[in-house]
Protein backbone atom coordinates (compact mmCIF):
# COMPACT_ATOMS: atom_id res chain seq x y z
CA MET A 1 155.68 176.90 156.80
CA THR A 2 155.45 175.25 160.23
CA LYS A 3 151.91 175.20 161.66
CA ILE A 4 151.51 175.40 165.44
CA SER A 5 148.18 175.05 167.21
CA PHE A 6 147.54 176.68 170.57
CA GLN A 7 144.65 177.31 172.94
CA GLY A 8 143.31 180.84 172.94
CA GLU A 9 142.95 183.87 170.69
CA PHE A 10 145.62 185.60 168.64
CA GLY A 11 147.74 187.63 171.04
CA ALA A 12 147.64 185.03 173.83
CA TYR A 13 150.84 184.16 175.70
CA SER A 14 150.68 180.78 173.97
CA HIS A 15 150.70 182.63 170.63
CA LEU A 16 153.72 184.60 171.83
CA ALA A 17 155.45 181.34 172.78
CA CYS A 18 154.78 179.94 169.29
CA ILE A 19 156.50 182.94 167.71
CA GLU A 20 159.49 182.75 170.04
CA VAL A 21 160.07 179.03 169.43
CA PHE A 22 159.37 179.08 165.68
CA SER A 23 159.86 182.62 164.38
CA ASP A 24 158.65 181.67 160.89
CA CYS A 25 155.41 179.83 161.61
CA THR A 26 151.67 179.84 161.12
CA PRO A 27 149.93 179.94 164.54
CA ILE A 28 146.52 178.25 164.64
CA PRO A 29 144.23 179.37 167.51
CA CYS A 30 141.97 176.71 169.07
CA GLU A 31 139.18 176.95 171.62
CA THR A 32 140.55 174.22 173.90
CA PHE A 33 143.79 172.40 174.73
CA GLU A 34 142.18 169.22 173.43
CA ALA A 35 141.45 170.85 170.07
CA ALA A 36 145.06 172.04 169.78
CA LEU A 37 146.34 168.50 170.41
CA GLU A 38 143.74 167.01 168.08
CA HIS A 39 145.03 169.26 165.29
CA VAL A 40 148.44 167.64 165.60
CA HIS A 41 147.05 164.13 165.98
CA LYS A 42 145.08 164.53 162.73
CA GLY A 43 147.98 166.18 160.87
CA MET A 44 146.32 169.60 160.58
CA SER A 45 149.28 171.21 162.37
CA ASP A 46 152.88 170.22 162.96
CA TYR A 47 153.08 171.03 166.66
CA ALA A 48 150.93 172.08 169.62
CA MET A 49 152.09 174.64 172.19
CA LEU A 50 150.85 173.45 175.58
CA PRO A 51 151.29 175.40 178.86
CA VAL A 52 151.92 172.98 181.73
CA GLU A 53 152.92 175.09 184.73
CA ASN A 54 153.47 178.63 185.93
CA SER A 55 156.03 179.79 188.49
CA VAL A 56 153.36 181.75 190.38
CA ALA A 57 150.13 179.79 189.84
CA GLY A 58 151.51 176.24 189.67
CA ARG A 59 150.36 173.40 187.43
CA VAL A 60 147.81 174.02 184.70
CA ALA A 61 144.69 172.09 185.72
CA ASP A 62 143.97 168.74 184.03
CA ILE A 63 146.97 169.04 181.70
CA HIS A 64 148.49 165.68 182.68
CA TYR A 65 145.41 163.81 181.48
CA MET A 66 145.99 165.13 177.96
CA LEU A 67 149.71 164.45 177.61
CA SER A 68 149.31 160.74 176.91
CA GLY A 69 145.86 160.84 175.36
CA TYR A 70 146.73 161.65 171.74
CA GLU A 71 149.81 159.48 171.12
CA LEU A 72 151.95 162.61 170.80
CA LYS A 73 155.52 163.16 171.95
CA ILE A 74 157.22 166.09 173.65
CA TYR A 75 159.44 167.71 171.03
CA ALA A 76 160.80 170.58 173.13
CA GLU A 77 160.17 172.75 176.18
CA HIS A 78 159.96 176.54 176.30
CA PHE A 79 159.93 179.01 179.18
CA GLN A 80 157.92 182.15 178.48
CA LYS A 81 158.24 185.23 180.69
CA VAL A 82 154.80 186.64 181.46
CA GLU A 83 154.67 190.43 181.31
CA HIS A 84 151.16 191.77 181.79
CA GLN A 85 150.17 195.10 180.23
CA LEU A 86 147.19 197.27 181.18
CA LEU A 87 145.41 198.00 177.90
CA GLY A 88 142.77 200.47 176.83
CA ILE A 89 141.20 201.83 173.66
CA LYS A 90 142.30 205.08 172.05
CA ASP A 91 141.52 208.17 174.18
CA SER A 92 141.25 206.11 177.38
CA SER A 93 143.64 206.72 180.27
CA LEU A 94 144.31 205.67 183.85
CA ASP A 95 141.83 208.39 184.86
CA THR A 96 138.96 207.16 182.66
CA ILE A 97 139.05 203.40 183.22
CA GLU A 98 136.75 201.87 185.84
CA ASN A 99 136.98 198.13 185.22
CA VAL A 100 139.51 195.58 183.97
CA ARG A 101 138.90 192.35 182.09
CA SER A 102 141.19 189.33 181.92
CA HIS A 103 141.67 185.65 182.71
CA THR A 104 141.22 184.88 186.40
CA MET A 105 144.92 183.99 186.72
CA ALA A 106 146.05 187.30 185.22
CA VAL A 107 143.65 189.22 187.47
CA GLY A 108 145.14 187.46 190.50
CA GLN A 109 148.68 188.20 189.35
CA CYS A 110 148.00 191.95 189.06
CA GLY A 111 146.15 192.56 192.32
CA LYS A 112 148.30 195.48 193.47
CA ILE A 113 147.64 197.73 190.48
CA ILE A 114 143.95 196.78 190.39
CA LYS A 115 143.61 197.83 194.02
CA GLU A 116 145.72 200.96 193.51
CA LEU A 117 143.55 202.17 190.61
CA GLY A 118 140.30 201.03 192.23
CA LEU A 119 139.29 198.93 189.23
CA LYS A 120 136.45 196.43 189.16
CA PRO A 121 137.83 193.07 187.90
CA ILE A 122 135.74 191.18 185.33
CA VAL A 123 136.84 187.60 184.70
CA MET A 124 137.02 186.51 181.06
CA ALA A 125 137.97 183.23 179.37
CA ASP A 126 141.50 184.37 178.51
CA THR A 127 143.79 187.40 178.30
CA ALA A 128 143.79 187.80 174.52
CA GLY A 129 140.02 187.36 174.41
CA SER A 130 139.75 190.27 176.84
CA ALA A 131 141.84 192.41 174.51
CA LYS A 132 139.70 191.36 171.56
CA TYR A 133 136.54 192.29 173.50
CA LEU A 134 138.05 195.68 174.29
CA ASN A 135 138.78 196.28 170.60
CA GLU A 136 135.24 195.34 169.55
CA GLN A 137 133.04 196.64 172.38
CA GLY A 138 135.18 198.62 174.81
CA THR A 139 134.68 202.19 175.96
CA ILE A 140 137.08 204.56 177.70
CA LYS A 141 135.82 203.09 180.99
CA ASP A 142 137.05 199.60 180.06
CA SER A 143 140.54 198.11 180.27
CA ALA A 144 142.13 194.69 179.89
CA ILE A 145 145.18 192.80 181.11
CA ALA A 146 147.02 191.04 178.31
CA SER A 147 150.34 190.82 176.48
CA LYS A 148 152.06 193.44 174.33
CA LEU A 149 151.38 191.14 171.39
CA ALA A 150 147.66 191.40 172.17
CA ALA A 151 147.93 195.19 172.21
CA ASP A 152 149.60 195.14 168.79
CA THR A 153 147.14 192.56 167.45
CA TYR A 154 144.01 194.48 168.43
CA GLY A 155 145.27 198.06 168.08
CA LEU A 156 145.08 198.93 171.77
CA GLU A 157 146.99 201.45 173.86
CA ILE A 158 149.27 200.31 176.68
CA LEU A 159 148.17 202.42 179.66
CA LYS A 160 150.72 200.91 182.05
CA GLU A 161 153.51 198.43 181.35
CA ASN A 162 154.53 195.30 183.25
CA ILE A 163 151.87 195.47 185.94
CA GLN A 164 152.35 191.95 187.35
CA ASP A 165 152.87 191.82 191.13
CA VAL A 166 156.09 189.78 190.83
CA ASN A 167 158.75 189.66 188.14
CA HIS A 168 159.50 185.94 188.38
CA ASN A 169 156.33 185.11 186.47
CA VAL A 170 157.26 182.43 183.94
CA THR A 171 155.18 179.77 182.19
CA ARG A 172 156.67 176.48 181.04
CA PHE A 173 155.35 175.18 177.73
CA LEU A 174 155.73 171.80 176.10
CA VAL A 175 155.89 171.58 172.31
CA MET A 176 153.98 168.43 171.32
CA SER A 177 154.60 166.62 168.02
CA ASN A 178 153.18 163.63 166.19
CA ASN A 179 155.84 161.20 167.49
CA GLU A 180 158.67 163.35 166.08
CA GLN A 181 161.83 163.51 168.22
CA GLN A 182 164.90 165.70 167.85
CA THR A 183 168.15 164.09 166.71
CA ARG A 184 170.52 163.71 169.63
CA GLN A 185 173.32 166.29 169.69
CA ASP A 186 176.65 166.10 171.47
CA ASN A 187 177.24 168.49 174.39
CA THR A 188 173.49 168.90 174.90
CA ASN A 189 171.70 168.17 178.19
CA TYR A 190 168.44 166.27 177.85
CA LEU A 191 165.26 165.69 179.83
CA THR A 192 163.09 162.60 179.68
CA SER A 193 159.43 162.82 180.69
CA CYS A 194 157.28 159.83 181.61
CA ILE A 195 153.88 158.92 183.00
CA PHE A 196 153.50 155.70 184.95
CA GLU A 197 151.00 153.84 187.11
CA VAL A 198 152.38 151.68 189.91
CA LYS A 199 151.11 148.21 190.75
CA SER A 200 148.81 148.01 193.76
CA VAL A 201 151.28 146.34 196.09
CA PRO A 202 152.99 147.58 199.29
CA SER A 203 156.00 149.89 198.75
CA ALA A 204 155.51 149.87 194.96
CA LEU A 205 156.22 153.59 194.56
CA TYR A 206 159.24 153.40 196.88
CA LYS A 207 160.68 150.47 194.94
CA ALA A 208 159.82 152.02 191.56
CA LEU A 209 161.71 155.21 192.38
CA GLY A 210 164.60 153.34 193.98
CA GLY A 211 166.04 152.54 190.58
CA PHE A 212 166.72 156.22 189.93
CA ALA A 213 168.71 156.49 193.16
CA THR A 214 170.77 153.33 192.61
CA ASN A 215 171.59 154.36 189.03
CA GLY A 216 172.40 157.98 189.91
CA VAL A 217 169.59 159.52 187.85
CA ASN A 218 168.24 162.85 189.06
CA LEU A 219 164.47 163.44 189.13
CA THR A 220 163.60 167.10 188.59
CA LYS A 221 159.83 166.66 188.95
CA LEU A 222 157.44 164.13 190.47
CA GLU A 223 153.69 164.76 190.51
CA SER A 224 150.73 162.50 191.15
CA PHE A 225 147.23 162.82 189.74
CA ILE A 226 144.04 160.81 190.14
CA ILE A 227 142.56 159.07 187.11
CA GLU A 228 139.03 157.90 186.32
CA GLY A 229 137.73 159.31 189.61
CA ASP A 230 139.36 156.49 191.58
CA PHE A 231 141.22 157.73 194.67
CA ASN A 232 142.97 154.36 194.95
CA LYS A 233 144.35 154.55 191.44
CA ALA A 234 146.97 157.24 190.84
CA GLN A 235 149.35 157.97 188.01
CA PHE A 236 152.64 159.82 188.31
CA TYR A 237 154.37 162.30 186.02
CA ILE A 238 158.17 162.59 186.18
CA ASP A 239 160.90 164.66 184.53
CA LEU A 240 164.38 163.23 184.82
CA ASP A 241 167.85 164.36 183.80
CA GLY A 242 169.25 162.39 180.89
CA HIS A 243 168.48 160.67 177.60
CA THR A 244 166.89 157.25 177.24
CA ASP A 245 170.03 156.14 175.38
CA ASP A 246 172.12 156.81 178.51
CA ILE A 247 172.89 153.53 180.30
CA PRO A 248 171.90 154.82 183.80
CA VAL A 249 168.56 156.13 182.48
CA LYS A 250 167.92 152.92 180.57
CA ARG A 251 168.55 150.80 183.66
CA ALA A 252 166.45 153.06 185.90
CA LEU A 253 163.49 152.84 183.50
CA GLU A 254 163.87 149.06 183.33
CA GLU A 255 163.63 148.87 187.13
CA LEU A 256 160.68 151.25 187.07
CA GLY A 257 158.93 148.89 184.67
CA TYR A 258 159.03 146.01 187.18
CA TYR A 259 156.71 147.89 189.55
CA THR A 260 154.33 149.58 187.13
CA GLU A 261 151.11 148.62 185.40
CA LYS A 262 151.79 151.20 182.70
CA LEU A 263 154.85 153.23 181.68
CA ILE A 264 154.75 155.80 178.88
CA VAL A 265 157.81 157.78 177.78
CA LEU A 266 156.28 161.09 176.71
CA GLY A 267 159.42 162.49 175.17
CA VAL A 268 163.18 163.00 175.21
CA TYR A 269 164.16 166.60 174.47
CA PRO A 270 166.89 169.20 175.09
CA LYS A 271 166.80 171.23 178.29
CA HIS A 272 165.81 174.83 177.67
CA SER A 273 168.51 177.43 178.31
CA TYR A 274 166.28 179.06 180.96
CA ARG A 275 167.17 176.18 183.28
CA ASN A 276 170.77 177.41 183.34
């Protein structure tokens, strides 16, 4: 059975993503993102489910540092709709609860209902951990914001469904593998993801990216991040349309290599249907 490591407790949105990508799998909860990746690197799990960005909150902090740090490859991407539930223990209700526990991001994404019910927010490490706390120590005055899977996992009541402020709340995950890549299929659109560091010369970034324009390769994402605390030394993360076997992509990456100190292809993988 496929083993997938993820950061968080059982019932986390990352756990939900594991189930949706690999319906018949063994999810392995880890305390940190690094631990989840280390599990794959050491062969203790087959894949790691890594959240990289959210449509409301933006990029997951520090995630780019980890993508190239364990010699892993991106096997697939997954888009997970985030639907927050207001949870309570048995016999609690909207009239009895006085506080709500959850991850700071979830609290921020459910501000309207928190204000409407006059609840005191209590920030916890993660959503599923809040549900677990509620199961173990909660009273009828306590509530939590977490997934339906967390409610089922910890035997909690859903006091109010889908309480997020906006409905376009989606998290993009990357499935990381130990250098395993999917076999190329016909009639399938692919993404290629890379991290590179440009040479410290004038117009290096402009020239590095010029190869994508001249070869007709579309960049869907370009992000910079500082490494080793040096503000003069930046790396860049890119997603581009196409497969590394495509001639235009191959030529564009060759041109990119002329102007970079380091170029790492993180993975070549099918586009998720959500992009359509």
